[in-house]
PDB file of N, CA and C in Angstrom:
ATOM      1  N   MET A   1     103.226 112.385  77.557  1.00  0.00           N
ATOM      2  CA  MET A   1     103.098 111.531  78.790  1.00  0.00           C
ATOM      3  C   MET A   1     102.373 112.013  80.097  1.00  0.00           C
ATOM      4  N   LYS A   2     101.426 111.331  80.447  1.00  0.00           N
ATOM      5  CA  LYS A   2     100.626 111.878  81.344  1.00  0.00           C
ATOM      6  C   LYS A   2     101.396 111.932  82.792  1.00  0.00           C
ATOM      7  N   GLU A   3     101.286 112.769  83.384  1.00  0.00           N
ATOM      8  CA  GLU A   3     102.125 112.980  84.750  1.00  0.00           C
ATOM      9  C   GLU A   3     101.652 112.309  85.920  1.00  0.00           C
ATOM     10  N   LYS A   4     102.434 111.435  86.283  1.00  0.00           N
ATOM     11  CA  LYS A   4     101.713 110.704  87.559  1.00  0.00           C
ATOM     12  C   LYS A   4     102.758 110.728  88.696  1.00  0.00           C
ATOM     13  N   THR A   5     102.264 110.548  89.816  1.00  0.00           N
ATOM     14  CA  THR A   5     103.060 110.552  90.819  1.00  0.00           C
ATOM     15  C   THR A   5     102.980 109.145  91.619  1.00  0.00           C
ATOM     16  N   ILE A   6     104.115 108.588  91.938  1.00  0.00           N
ATOM     17  CA  ILE A   6     104.211 107.300  92.257  1.00  0.00           C
ATOM     18  C   ILE A   6     104.395 107.102  93.736  1.00  0.00           C
ATOM     19  N   ILE A   7     103.798 106.786  94.788  1.00  0.00           N
ATOM     20  CA  ILE A   7     103.839 106.953  96.075  1.00  0.00           C
ATOM     21  C   ILE A   7     104.073 105.472  96.513  1.00  0.00           C
ATOM     22  N   SER A   8     105.436 105.209  97.350  1.00  0.00           N
ATOM     23  CA  SER A   8     105.226 103.686  97.716  1.00  0.00           C
ATOM     24  C   SER A   8     105.121 103.599  99.578  1.00  0.00           C
ATOM     25  N   HIS A   9     104.332 102.821  99.810  1.00  0.00           N
ATOM     26  CA  HIS A   9     103.563 102.484 100.835  1.00  0.00           C
ATOM     27  C   HIS A   9     104.434 101.067 101.408  1.00  0.00           C
ATOM     28  N   LYS A  10     104.711 101.101 102.533  1.00  0.00           N
ATOM     29  CA  LYS A  10     105.472  99.857 103.160  1.00  0.00           C
ATOM     30  C   LYS A  10     104.764  99.383 104.253  1.00  0.00           C
ATOM     31  N   ASN A  11     104.175  98.240 104.312  1.00  0.00           N
ATOM     32  CA  ASN A  11     103.444  97.433 105.397  1.00  0.00           C
ATOM     33  C   ASN A  11     103.646  96.330 105.546  1.00  0.00           C
ATOM     34  N   ASP A  12     104.267  95.846 106.845  1.00  0.00           N
ATOM     35  CA  ASP A  12     104.600  94.357 107.482  1.00  0.00           C
ATOM     36  C   ASP A  12     105.199  93.762 106.567  1.00  0.00           C
ATOM     37  N   GLY A  13     106.467  94.182 105.788  1.00  0.00           N
ATOM     38  CA  GLY A  13     107.317  93.767 104.939  1.00  0.00           C
ATOM     39  C   GLY A  13     106.728  93.599 102.944  1.00  0.00           C
ATOM     40  N   LEU A  14     105.781  94.344 103.152  1.00  0.00           N
ATOM     41  CA  LEU A  14     105.007  94.198 101.707  1.00  0.00           C
ATOM     42  C   LEU A  14     105.170  95.812 101.278  1.00  0.00           C
ATOM     43  N   THR A  15     105.263  95.920  99.795  1.00  0.00           N
ATOM     44  CA  THR A  15     105.533  97.362  99.169  1.00  0.00           C
ATOM     45  C   THR A  15     104.111  97.388  98.398  1.00  0.00           C
ATOM     46  N   PHE A  16     103.423  98.321  98.216  1.00  0.00           N
ATOM     47  CA  PHE A  16     102.359  98.969  97.418  1.00  0.00           C
ATOM     48  C   PHE A  16     102.460 100.093  96.810  1.00  0.00           C
ATOM     49  N   LEU A  17     102.492 100.282  95.566  1.00  0.00           N
ATOM     50  CA  LEU A  17     102.744 101.393  94.879  1.00  0.00           C
ATOM     51  C   LEU A  17     101.432 102.140  94.570  1.00  0.00           C
ATOM     52  N   GLU A  18     101.153 103.260  95.012  1.00  0.00           N
ATOM     53  CA  GLU A  18      99.862 104.382  95.004  1.00  0.00           C
ATOM     54  C   GLU A  18     100.027 105.088  93.857  1.00  0.00           C
ATOM     55  N   ILE A  19      99.456 104.941  92.727  1.00  0.00           N
ATOM     56  CA  ILE A  19      99.725 105.945  91.429  1.00  0.00           C
ATOM     57  C   ILE A  19      98.709 106.919  91.424  1.00  0.00           C
ATOM     58  N   ARG A  20      99.086 108.067  91.526  1.00  0.00           N
ATOM     59  CA  ARG A  20      98.247 109.374  91.300  1.00  0.00           C
ATOM     60  C   ARG A  20      98.363 110.179  90.514  1.00  0.00           C
ATOM     61  N   SER A  21      97.085 110.655  89.507  1.00  0.00           N
ATOM     62  CA  SER A  21      97.390 111.467  88.702  1.00  0.00           C
ATOM     63  C   SER A  21      96.000 112.243  88.604  1.00  0.00           C
ATOM     64  N   GLU A  22      95.709 113.439  88.168  1.00  0.00           N
ATOM     65  CA  GLU A  22      94.878 113.985  87.768  1.00  0.00           C
ATOM     66  C   GLU A  22      94.095 113.738  86.435  1.00  0.00           C
ATOM     67  N   GLU A  23      94.774 112.886  85.957  1.00  0.00           N
ATOM     68  CA  GLU A  23      94.535 112.787  84.172  1.00  0.00           C
ATOM     69  C   GLU A  23      94.294 111.107  84.253  1.00  0.00           C
ATOM     70  N   GLN A  24      93.230 110.980  83.282  1.00  0.00           N
ATOM     71  CA  GLN A  24      93.079 109.623  82.715  1.00  0.00           C
ATOM     72  C   GLN A  24      94.263 109.033  81.975  1.00  0.00           C
ATOM     73  N   PHE A  25      94.697 107.783  82.312  1.00  0.00           N
ATOM     74  CA  PHE A  25      95.652 107.296  81.522  1.00  0.00           C
ATOM     75  C   PHE A  25      95.623 105.881  81.675  1.00  0.00           C
ATOM     76  N   ILE A  26      94.654 105.393  81.898  1.00  0.00           N
ATOM     77  CA  ILE A  26      94.351 103.890  81.510  1.00  0.00           C
ATOM     78  C   ILE A  26      93.132 103.969  80.638  1.00  0.00           C
ATOM     79  N   ASN A  27      93.419 103.822  79.062  1.00  0.00           N
ATOM     80  CA  ASN A  27      92.449 103.911  78.219  1.00  0.00           C
ATOM     81  C   ASN A  27      91.989 102.539  77.688  1.00  0.00           C
ATOM     82  N   ASN A  28      93.229 101.551  77.574  1.00  0.00           N
ATOM     83  CA  ASN A  28      93.160 100.344  76.898  1.00  0.00           C
ATOM     84  C   ASN A  28      94.015  99.677  77.605  1.00  0.00           C
ATOM     85  N   VAL A  29      94.212  98.214  76.996  1.00  0.00           N
ATOM     86  CA  VAL A  29      95.145  97.142  77.449  1.00  0.00           C
ATOM     87  C   VAL A  29      96.307  97.459  77.301  1.00  0.00           C
ATOM     88  N   GLN A  30      96.853  98.232  76.224  1.00  0.00           N
ATOM     89  CA  GLN A  30      98.023  98.537  75.983  1.00  0.00           C
ATOM     90  C   GLN A  30      98.427  99.615  77.061  1.00  0.00           C
ATOM     91  N   ASP A  31      97.931 100.643  77.524  1.00  0.00           N
ATOM     92  CA  ASP A  31      98.055 101.350  78.656  1.00  0.00           C
ATOM     93  C   ASP A  31      98.581 100.584  79.815  1.00  0.00           C
ATOM     94  N   VAL A  32      97.880  99.496  80.280  1.00  0.00           N
ATOM     95  CA  VAL A  32      98.011  98.702  81.347  1.00  0.00           C
ATOM     96  C   VAL A  32      99.480  98.174  81.221  1.00  0.00           C
ATOM     97  N   LEU A  33      99.691  97.816  79.576  1.00  0.00           N
ATOM     98  CA  LEU A  33     101.073  97.135  79.613  1.00  0.00           C
ATOM     99  C   LEU A  33     102.427  98.280  79.520  1.00  0.00           C
ATOM    100  N   ASP A  34     101.732  99.375  79.403  1.00  0.00           N
ATOM    101  CA  ASP A  34     102.929 100.390  79.167  1.00  0.00           C
ATOM    102  C   ASP A  34     102.948 100.890  80.755  1.00  0.00           C
ATOM    103  N   LEU A  35     101.829 101.024  81.579  1.00  0.00           N
ATOM    104  CA  LEU A  35     102.008 101.239  82.874  1.00  0.00           C
ATOM    105  C   LEU A  35     103.325 100.155  83.788  1.00  0.00           C
ATOM    106  N   PHE A  36     102.722  98.467  83.383  1.00  0.00           N
ATOM    107  CA  PHE A  36     103.791  97.826  83.767  1.00  0.00           C
ATOM    108  C   PHE A  36     105.108  97.931  83.401  1.00  0.00           C
ATOM    109  N   GLY A  37     105.317  98.385  82.329  1.00  0.00           N
ATOM    110  CA  GLY A  37     106.676  98.931  81.653  1.00  0.00           C
ATOM    111  C   GLY A  37     107.265  99.881  82.393  1.00  0.00           C
ATOM    112  N   GLU A  38     106.409 101.154  82.800  1.00  0.00           N
ATOM    113  CA  GLU A  38     107.140 102.170  83.740  1.00  0.00           C
ATOM    114  C   GLU A  38     107.668 101.766  84.924  1.00  0.00           C
ATOM    115  N   LEU A  39     106.837 100.756  85.453  1.00  0.00           N
ATOM    116  CA  LEU A  39     107.067 100.068  86.850  1.00  0.00           C
ATOM    117  C   LEU A  39     108.238  99.053  86.741  1.00  0.00           C
ATOM    118  N   TYR A  40     108.960  98.548  85.587  1.00  0.00           N
ATOM    119  CA  TYR A  40     109.722  97.432  85.469  1.00  0.00           C
ATOM    120  C   TYR A  40     110.891  98.011  86.220  1.00  0.00           C
ATOM    121  N   GLY A  41     111.438  96.973  87.094  1.00  0.00           N
ATOM    122  CA  GLY A  41     112.330  97.303  88.008  1.00  0.00           C
ATOM    123  C   GLY A  41     112.457  97.655  89.435  1.00  0.00           C
ATOM    124  N   GLN A  42     111.077  98.232  89.547  1.00  0.00           N
ATOM    125  CA  GLN A  42     110.772  98.441  90.875  1.00  0.00           C
ATOM    126  C   GLN A  42     110.133  97.254  91.623  1.00  0.00           C
ATOM    127  N   TYR A  43     110.239  97.164  92.990  1.00  0.00           N
ATOM    128  CA  TYR A  43     109.617  96.070  93.628  1.00  0.00           C
ATOM    129  C   TYR A  43     108.477  96.390  94.214  1.00  0.00           C
ATOM    130  N   TYR A  44     107.346  95.770  94.122  1.00  0.00           N
ATOM    131  CA  TYR A  44     106.061  95.924  94.750  1.00  0.00           C
ATOM    132  C   TYR A  44     105.356  94.743  94.803  1.00  0.00           C
ATOM    133  N   ASP A  45     104.313  94.777  95.769  1.00  0.00           N
ATOM    134  CA  ASP A  45     103.513  93.339  95.725  1.00  0.00           C
ATOM    135  C   ASP A  45     102.140  93.867  95.361  1.00  0.00           C
ATOM    136  N   GLY A  46     101.650  95.069  95.138  1.00  0.00           N
ATOM    137  CA  GLY A  46     100.483  95.526  94.698  1.00  0.00           C
ATOM    138  C   GLY A  46     100.324  96.962  94.236  1.00  0.00           C
ATOM    139  N   ILE A  47      99.369  97.086  93.507  1.00  0.00           N
ATOM    140  CA  ILE A  47      99.263  98.604  92.880  1.00  0.00           C
ATOM    141  C   ILE A  47      97.704  99.273  93.591  1.00  0.00           C
ATOM    142  N   ILE A  48      97.964 100.459  93.628  1.00  0.00           N
ATOM    143  CA  ILE A  48      96.512 101.028  94.061  1.00  0.00           C
ATOM    144  C   ILE A  48      96.378 102.244  92.820  1.00  0.00           C
ATOM    145  N   LEU A  49      95.136 101.942  91.971  1.00  0.00           N
ATOM    146  CA  LEU A  49      94.989 102.966  91.139  1.00  0.00           C
ATOM    147  C   LEU A  49      93.493 103.736  91.460  1.00  0.00           C
ATOM    148  N   TYR A  50      93.236 104.701  90.994  1.00  0.00           N
ATOM    149  CA  TYR A  50      91.959 105.580  91.154  1.00  0.00           C
ATOM    150  C   TYR A  50      91.145 105.556  89.719  1.00  0.00           C
ATOM    151  N   GLU A  51      90.014 105.395  90.417  1.00  0.00           N
ATOM    152  CA  GLU A  51      88.727 105.201  89.222  1.00  0.00           C
ATOM    153  C   GLU A  51      89.014 106.522  88.016  1.00  0.00           C
ATOM    154  N   ARG A  52      89.290 107.632  88.553  1.00  0.00           N
ATOM    155  CA  ARG A  52      89.302 108.617  87.752  1.00  0.00           C
ATOM    156  C   ARG A  52      90.530 108.641  86.579  1.00  0.00           C
ATOM    157  N   ASN A  53      91.334 107.446  86.937  1.00  0.00           N
ATOM    158  CA  ASN A  53      92.348 107.510  85.983  1.00  0.00           C
ATOM    159  C   ASN A  53      92.418 106.468  85.075  1.00  0.00           C
ATOM    160  N   ILE A  54      91.096 105.815  85.193  1.00  0.00           N
ATOM    161  CA  ILE A  54      90.661 104.833  84.189  1.00  0.00           C
ATOM    162  C   ILE A  54      89.361 105.110  83.292  1.00  0.00           C
ATOM    163  N   THR A  55      89.594 104.899  82.006  1.00  0.00           N
ATOM    164  CA  THR A  55      88.373 105.226  80.838  1.00  0.00           C
ATOM    165  C   THR A  55      86.794 104.702  81.779  1.00  0.00           C
ATOM    166  N   HIS A  56      85.997 105.314  81.404  1.00  0.00           N
ATOM    167  CA  HIS A  56      84.557 105.195  81.467  1.00  0.00           C
ATOM    168  C   HIS A  56      84.327 103.846  80.865  1.00  0.00           C
ATOM    169  N   ASP A  57      84.810 103.281  80.004  1.00  0.00           N
ATOM    170  CA  ASP A  57      84.466 102.129  78.954  1.00  0.00           C
ATOM    171  C   ASP A  57      84.477 101.045  80.156  1.00  0.00           C
ATOM    172  N   PHE A  58      85.642 101.063  80.915  1.00  0.00           N
ATOM    173  CA  PHE A  58      86.238  99.880  81.917  1.00  0.00           C
ATOM    174  C   PHE A  58      84.895  99.626  82.669  1.00  0.00           C
ATOM    175  N   PHE A  59      84.155 100.507  83.023  1.00  0.00           N
ATOM    176  CA  PHE A  59      83.003 100.467  83.907  1.00  0.00           C
ATOM    177  C   PHE A  59      81.596 100.033  83.556  1.00  0.00           C
ATOM    178  N   ASP A  60      81.586  99.993  82.089  1.00  0.00           N
ATOM    179  CA  ASP A  60      80.556  99.492  81.369  1.00  0.00           C
ATOM    180  C   ASP A  60      80.876  97.753  80.879  1.00  0.00           C
ATOM    181  N   LEU A  61      80.657  97.313  81.836  1.00  0.00           N
ATOM    182  CA  LEU A  61      80.909  95.861  81.543  1.00  0.00           C
ATOM    183  C   LEU A  61      80.558  95.198  80.120  1.00  0.00           C
ATOM    184  N   GLN A  62      79.737  95.815  79.377  1.00  0.00           N
ATOM    185  CA  GLN A  62      79.354  95.336  78.071  1.00  0.00           C
ATOM    186  C   GLN A  62      80.366  95.525  76.981  1.00  0.00           C
ATOM    187  N   THR A  63      81.510  96.579  77.283  1.00  0.00           N
ATOM    188  CA  THR A  63      82.500  96.746  76.341  1.00  0.00           C
ATOM    189  C   THR A  63      83.508  95.296  76.692  1.00  0.00           C
ATOM    190  N   LYS A  64      83.749  94.982  77.797  1.00  0.00           N
ATOM    191  CA  LYS A  64      84.629  93.759  77.852  1.00  0.00           C
ATOM    192  C   LYS A  64      85.936  94.321  78.396  1.00  0.00           C
ATOM    193  N   LEU A  65      86.136  95.623  78.601  1.00  0.00           N
ATOM    194  CA  LEU A  65      87.524  96.361  78.578  1.00  0.00           C
ATOM    195  C   LEU A  65      87.841  95.898  79.974  1.00  0.00           C
ATOM    196  N   ALA A  66      87.033  95.675  81.064  1.00  0.00           N
ATOM    197  CA  ALA A  66      87.214  95.156  82.056  1.00  0.00           C
ATOM    198  C   ALA A  66      87.992  93.928  82.599  1.00  0.00           C
ATOM    199  N   GLY A  67      87.402  93.024  81.644  1.00  0.00           N
ATOM    200  CA  GLY A  67      87.689  91.682  81.870  1.00  0.00           C
ATOM    201  C   GLY A  67      89.433  91.865  81.293  1.00  0.00           C
ATOM    202  N   GLU A  68      89.425  92.275  80.174  1.00  0.00           N
ATOM    203  CA  GLU A  68      90.663  92.425  79.239  1.00  0.00           C
ATOM    204  C   GLU A  68      91.877  93.216  80.224  1.00  0.00           C
ATOM    205  N   ILE A  69      91.704  94.058  80.692  1.00  0.00           N
ATOM    206  CA  ILE A  69      92.366  94.948  81.588  1.00  0.00           C
ATOM    207  C   ILE A  69      93.015  94.119  82.888  1.00  0.00           C
ATOM    208  N   LEU A  70      92.053  93.616  83.489  1.00  0.00           N
ATOM    209  CA  LEU A  70      91.846  92.789  84.716  1.00  0.00           C
ATOM    210  C   LEU A  70      92.824  91.432  84.426  1.00  0.00           C
ATOM    211  N   GLN A  71      92.560  91.028  83.385  1.00  0.00           N
ATOM    212  CA  GLN A  71      93.360  89.693  82.894  1.00  0.00           C
ATOM    213  C   GLN A  71      94.745  89.840  82.788  1.00  0.00           C
ATOM    214  N   LYS A  72      95.204  91.180  82.546  1.00  0.00           N
ATOM    215  CA  LYS A  72      96.734  91.361  82.496  1.00  0.00           C
ATOM    216  C   LYS A  72      97.272  91.307  83.941  1.00  0.00           C
ATOM    217  N   PHE A  73      96.454  91.936  84.676  1.00  0.00           N
ATOM    218  CA  PHE A  73      97.053  92.033  86.312  1.00  0.00           C
ATOM    219  C   PHE A  73      96.959  90.624  86.646  1.00  0.00           C
ATOM    220  N   SER A  74      96.061  89.644  86.492  1.00  0.00           N
ATOM    221  CA  SER A  74      96.084  88.455  86.857  1.00  0.00           C
ATOM    222  C   SER A  74      97.099  87.814  86.154  1.00  0.00           C
ATOM    223  N   ASN A  75      97.605  88.157  84.887  1.00  0.00           N
ATOM    224  CA  ASN A  75      98.621  87.083  84.276  1.00  0.00           C
ATOM    225  C   ASN A  75      99.688  87.473  84.805  1.00  0.00           C
ATOM    226  N   TYR A  76     100.039  88.654  84.992  1.00  0.00           N
ATOM    227  CA  TYR A  76     101.346  89.315  85.774  1.00  0.00           C
ATOM    228  C   TYR A  76     101.567  89.120  87.103  1.00  0.00           C
ATOM    229  N   ARG A  77     100.365  88.663  87.721  1.00  0.00           N
ATOM    230  CA  ARG A  77     100.364  88.306  89.353  1.00  0.00           C
ATOM    231  C   ARG A  77     100.724  89.618  90.045  1.00  0.00           C
ATOM    232  N   ILE A  78      99.843  90.561  89.521  1.00  0.00           N
ATOM    233  CA  ILE A  78     100.128  91.830  90.276  1.00  0.00           C
ATOM    234  C   ILE A  78      98.416  92.423  90.785  1.00  0.00           C
ATOM    235  N   ARG A  79      98.618  92.289  92.110  1.00  0.00           N
ATOM    236  CA  ARG A  79      97.461  92.602  92.815  1.00  0.00           C
ATOM    237  C   ARG A  79      96.977  94.077  92.561  1.00  0.00           C
ATOM    238  N   LEU A  80      95.625  94.305  92.671  1.00  0.00           N
ATOM    239  CA  LEU A  80      95.363  95.723  91.839  1.00  0.00           C
ATOM    240  C   LEU A  80      93.984  95.827  93.096  1.00  0.00           C
ATOM    241  N   VAL A  81      94.332  97.164  93.529  1.00  0.00           N
ATOM    242  CA  VAL A  81      93.063  97.836  94.019  1.00  0.00           C
ATOM    243  C   VAL A  81      92.599  99.217  93.722  1.00  0.00           C
ATOM    244  N   ILE A  82      91.228  99.410  93.108  1.00  0.00           N
ATOM    245  CA  ILE A  82      90.900 100.284  92.386  1.00  0.00           C
ATOM    246  C   ILE A  82      90.038 101.322  93.413  1.00  0.00           C
ATOM    247  N   VAL A  83      90.458 102.416  93.561  1.00  0.00           N
ATOM    248  CA  VAL A  83      89.831 103.410  94.681  1.00  0.00           C
ATOM    249  C   VAL A  83      89.115 104.385  94.045  1.00  0.00           C
ATOM    250  N   GLY A  84      87.677 104.536  94.417  1.00  0.00           N
ATOM    251  CA  GLY A  84      86.742 105.511  93.594  1.00  0.00           C
ATOM    252  C   GLY A  84      85.356 105.307  94.542  1.00  0.00           C
ATOM    253  N   ASP A  85      84.432 105.979  94.162  1.00  0.00           N
ATOM    254  CA  ASP A  85      82.804 106.390  94.504  1.00  0.00           C
ATOM    255  C   ASP A  85      82.301 105.518  93.877  1.00  0.00           C
ATOM    256  N   TRP A  86      81.843 104.218  94.475  1.00  0.00           N
ATOM    257  CA  TRP A  86      81.098 103.210  93.734  1.00  0.00           C
ATOM    258  C   TRP A  86      79.813 103.383  93.796  1.00  0.00           C
ATOM    259  N   SER A  87      79.183 104.061  94.777  1.00  0.00           N
ATOM    260  CA  SER A  87      77.861 104.376  94.897  1.00  0.00           C
ATOM    261  C   SER A  87      77.264 105.166  93.774  1.00  0.00           C
ATOM    262  N   LYS A  88      78.248 105.905  92.945  1.00  0.00           N
ATOM    263  CA  LYS A  88      77.238 106.543  91.674  1.00  0.00           C
ATOM    264  C   LYS A  88      77.069 105.844  90.443  1.00  0.00           C
ATOM    265  N   TYR A  89      77.601 104.602  90.506  1.00  0.00           N
ATOM    266  CA  TYR A  89      77.306 103.438  89.488  1.00  0.00           C
ATOM    267  C   TYR A  89      75.880 102.663  89.697  1.00  0.00           C
ATOM    268  N   THR A  90      75.141 102.654  88.805  1.00  0.00           N
ATOM    269  CA  THR A  90      73.741 102.044  88.877  1.00  0.00           C
ATOM    270  C   THR A  90      73.681 100.671  88.299  1.00  0.00           C
ATOM    271  N   SER A  91      74.632 100.052  87.421  1.00  0.00           N
ATOM    272  CA  SER A  91      74.684  99.111  86.915  1.00  0.00           C
ATOM    273  C   SER A  91      74.743  97.869  87.799  1.00  0.00           C
ATOM    274  N   ARG A  92      73.671  96.949  88.135  1.00  0.00           N
ATOM    275  CA  ARG A  92      73.820  95.708  88.784  1.00  0.00           C
ATOM    276  C   ARG A  92      74.631  95.120  88.566  1.00  0.00           C
ATOM    277  N   SER A  93      75.123  94.658  87.374  1.00  0.00           N
ATOM    278  CA  SER A  93      76.295  93.842  86.719  1.00  0.00           C
ATOM    279  C   SER A  93      77.508  94.246  87.355  1.00  0.00           C
ATOM    280  N   LEU A  94      77.626  95.616  87.260  1.00  0.00           N
ATOM    281  CA  LEU A  94      78.974  96.070  87.729  1.00  0.00           C
ATOM    282  C   LEU A  94      79.057  95.957  89.172  1.00  0.00           C
ATOM    283  N   GLU A  95      77.743  96.153  90.016  1.00  0.00           N
ATOM    284  CA  GLU A  95      77.934  96.192  91.492  1.00  0.00           C
ATOM    285  C   GLU A  95      78.271  94.386  91.877  1.00  0.00           C
ATOM    286  N   ALA A  96      77.646  93.836  90.887  1.00  0.00           N
ATOM    287  CA  ALA A  96      78.000  92.463  91.176  1.00  0.00           C
ATOM    288  C   ALA A  96      79.321  92.170  91.061  1.00  0.00           C
ATOM    289  N   PHE A  97      79.908  92.656  89.990  1.00  0.00           N
ATOM    290  CA  PHE A  97      81.336  92.344  89.553  1.00  0.00           C
ATOM    291  C   PHE A  97      82.245  92.652  90.830  1.00  0.00           C
ATOM    292  N   ILE A  98      81.842  93.989  91.167  1.00  0.00           N
ATOM    293  CA  ILE A  98      82.575  94.446  92.216  1.00  0.00           C
ATOM    294  C   ILE A  98      82.663  93.811  93.527  1.00  0.00           C
ATOM    295  N   CYS A  99      81.564  93.225  93.975  1.00  0.00           N
ATOM    296  CA  CYS A  99      81.135  92.316  95.158  1.00  0.00           C
ATOM    297  C   CYS A  99      81.825  91.130  94.743  1.00  0.00           C
ATOM    298  N   GLU A 100      82.007  90.543  93.744  1.00  0.00           N
ATOM    299  CA  GLU A 100      82.498  89.335  93.564  1.00  0.00           C
ATOM    300  C   GLU A 100      84.275  89.327  93.445  1.00  0.00           C
ATOM    301  N   SER A 101      84.594  90.525  92.795  1.00  0.00           N
ATOM    302  CA  SER A 101      86.088  90.843  92.918  1.00  0.00           C
ATOM    303  C   SER A 101      86.624  90.987  94.331  1.00  0.00           C
ATOM    304  N   ASN A 102      85.915  91.656  95.115  1.00  0.00           N
ATOM    305  CA  ASN A 102      86.185  91.877  96.528  1.00  0.00           C
ATOM    306  C   ASN A 102      86.358  90.566  97.378  1.00  0.00           C
ATOM    307  N   LYS A 103      85.547  89.599  96.927  1.00  0.00           N
ATOM    308  CA  LYS A 103      85.687  88.288  97.542  1.00  0.00           C
ATOM    309  C   LYS A 103      87.101  87.587  97.320  1.00  0.00           C
ATOM    310  N   GLY A 104      87.766  88.119  96.389  1.00  0.00           N
ATOM    311  CA  GLY A 104      89.227  87.729  96.378  1.00  0.00           C
ATOM    312  C   GLY A 104      90.297  88.694  96.542  1.00  0.00           C
ATOM    313  N   LYS A 105      91.332  87.843  96.196  1.00  0.00           N
ATOM    314  CA  LYS A 105      92.569  88.743  96.532  1.00  0.00           C
ATOM    315  C   LYS A 105      93.426  89.569  95.337  1.00  0.00           C
ATOM    316  N   THR A 106      93.228  89.040  94.271  1.00  0.00           N
ATOM    317  CA  THR A 106      94.112  89.787  92.771  1.00  0.00           C
ATOM    318  C   THR A 106      93.464  91.162  92.442  1.00  0.00           C
ATOM    319  N   VAL A 107      91.993  91.359  92.572  1.00  0.00           N
ATOM    320  CA  VAL A 107      91.451  92.856  92.063  1.00  0.00           C
ATOM    321  C   VAL A 107      90.409  92.997  93.192  1.00  0.00           C
ATOM    322  N   ASN A 108      90.672  94.228  93.499  1.00  0.00           N
ATOM    323  CA  ASN A 108      89.700  94.831  94.659  1.00  0.00           C
ATOM    324  C   ASN A 108      89.352  96.107  94.143  1.00  0.00           C
ATOM    325  N   PHE A 109      88.240  96.679  94.927  1.00  0.00           N
ATOM    326  CA  PHE A 109      87.466  97.883  94.634  1.00  0.00           C
ATOM    327  C   PHE A 109      87.420  98.636  95.892  1.00  0.00           C
ATOM    328  N   SER A 110      87.823  99.661  96.135  1.00  0.00           N
ATOM    329  CA  SER A 110      87.640 100.036  97.702  1.00  0.00           C
ATOM    330  C   SER A 110      87.324 101.704  97.474  1.00  0.00           C
ATOM    331  N   SER A 111      86.997 102.295  98.552  1.00  0.00           N
ATOM    332  CA  SER A 111      86.205 103.645  98.662  1.00  0.00           C
ATOM    333  C   SER A 111      87.400 104.473  99.082  1.00  0.00           C
ATOM    334  N   SER A 112      88.459 104.255  99.705  1.00  0.00           N
ATOM    335  CA  SER A 112      89.610 105.075 100.145  1.00  0.00           C
ATOM    336  C   SER A 112      90.884 104.092  99.984  1.00  0.00           C
ATOM    337  N   PRO A 113      92.229 104.946  99.945  1.00  0.00           N
ATOM    338  CA  PRO A 113      93.363 104.464  99.998  1.00  0.00           C
ATOM    339  C   PRO A 113      93.817 103.953 101.284  1.00  0.00           C
ATOM    340  N   THR A 114      93.424 104.168 102.284  1.00  0.00           N
ATOM    341  CA  THR A 114      93.583 103.602 103.752  1.00  0.00           C
ATOM    342  C   THR A 114      92.756 102.157 103.408  1.00  0.00           C
ATOM    343  N   GLU A 115      91.672 102.090 103.150  1.00  0.00           N
ATOM    344  CA  GLU A 115      91.135 100.697 103.076  1.00  0.00           C
ATOM    345  C   GLU A 115      91.889  99.611 101.767  1.00  0.00           C
ATOM    346  N   ALA A 116      92.192 100.550 100.746  1.00  0.00           N
ATOM    347  CA  ALA A 116      93.111  99.920  99.780  1.00  0.00           C
ATOM    348  C   ALA A 116      94.169  99.375 100.499  1.00  0.00           C
ATOM    349  N   LEU A 117      95.183  99.790 101.048  1.00  0.00           N
ATOM    350  CA  LEU A 117      96.205  99.104 101.792  1.00  0.00           C
ATOM    351  C   LEU A 117      95.850  98.337 102.642  1.00  0.00           C
ATOM    352  N   LYS A 118      94.840  98.429 103.313  1.00  0.00           N
ATOM    353  CA  LYS A 118      94.487  97.038 104.501  1.00  0.00           C
ATOM    354  C   LYS A 118      93.991  95.923 103.412  1.00  0.00           C
ATOM    355  N   LEU A 119      93.359  96.038 102.349  1.00  0.00           N
ATOM    356  CA  LEU A 119      93.105  94.943 101.589  1.00  0.00           C
ATOM    357  C   LEU A 119      94.242  94.374 100.910  1.00  0.00           C
ATOM    358  N   LEU A 120      95.173  94.985 100.032  1.00  0.00           N
ATOM    359  CA  LEU A 120      96.597  94.607  99.966  1.00  0.00           C
ATOM    360  C   LEU A 120      97.322  94.015 100.824  1.00  0.00           C
ATOM    361  N   SER A 121      97.115  94.360 102.124  1.00  0.00           N
ATOM    362  CA  SER A 121      97.984  93.614 103.154  1.00  0.00           C
ATOM    363  C   SER A 121      97.503  92.294 103.665  1.00  0.00           C
ATOM    364  N   ILE A 122      96.351  92.104 103.212  1.00  0.00           N
ATOM    365  CA  ILE A 122      95.961  90.774 103.582  1.00  0.00           C
ATOM    366  C   ILE A 122      96.338  89.613 102.615  1.00  0.00           C
ATOM    367  N   ILE A 123      97.379  88.718 103.605  1.00  0.00           N
ATOM    368  CA  ILE A 123      97.851  87.634 102.481  1.00  0.00           C
ATOM    369  C   ILE A 123      97.056  86.343 102.815  1.00  0.00           C
ATOM    370  N   ASN A 124      97.054  85.571 101.788  1.00  0.00           N
ATOM    371  CA  ASN A 124      96.360  84.424 101.535  1.00  0.00           C
ATOM    372  C   ASN A 124      94.981  84.773 102.002  1.00  0.00           C
TER     373      ASN A 124
END
């Protein structure tokens, strides 16, 4: 089992879980379902993950892994912000995907944990 630290943030009555790890622990859809299982029983309004913890295949939209994984967050109605350095990606389709995702509230991409908390705190 990969070591993870879960930090609970509270803001205006909402609870967000920030999951930190130095290791990659999201490699496929089952890993996301396993994460949901690990978090079962904890109350939270959203999750913050880090780019380094997610397989590089996620960011290659041709693999369709991003859609499959993010669909699980949508199905379970779990808001997600992924924190990372998005400037290093040159894919126009990924750039468009990030831009489009950031227009909604289910899945967002952020460059810092502070910004991630602000994004999750926006209701409606």
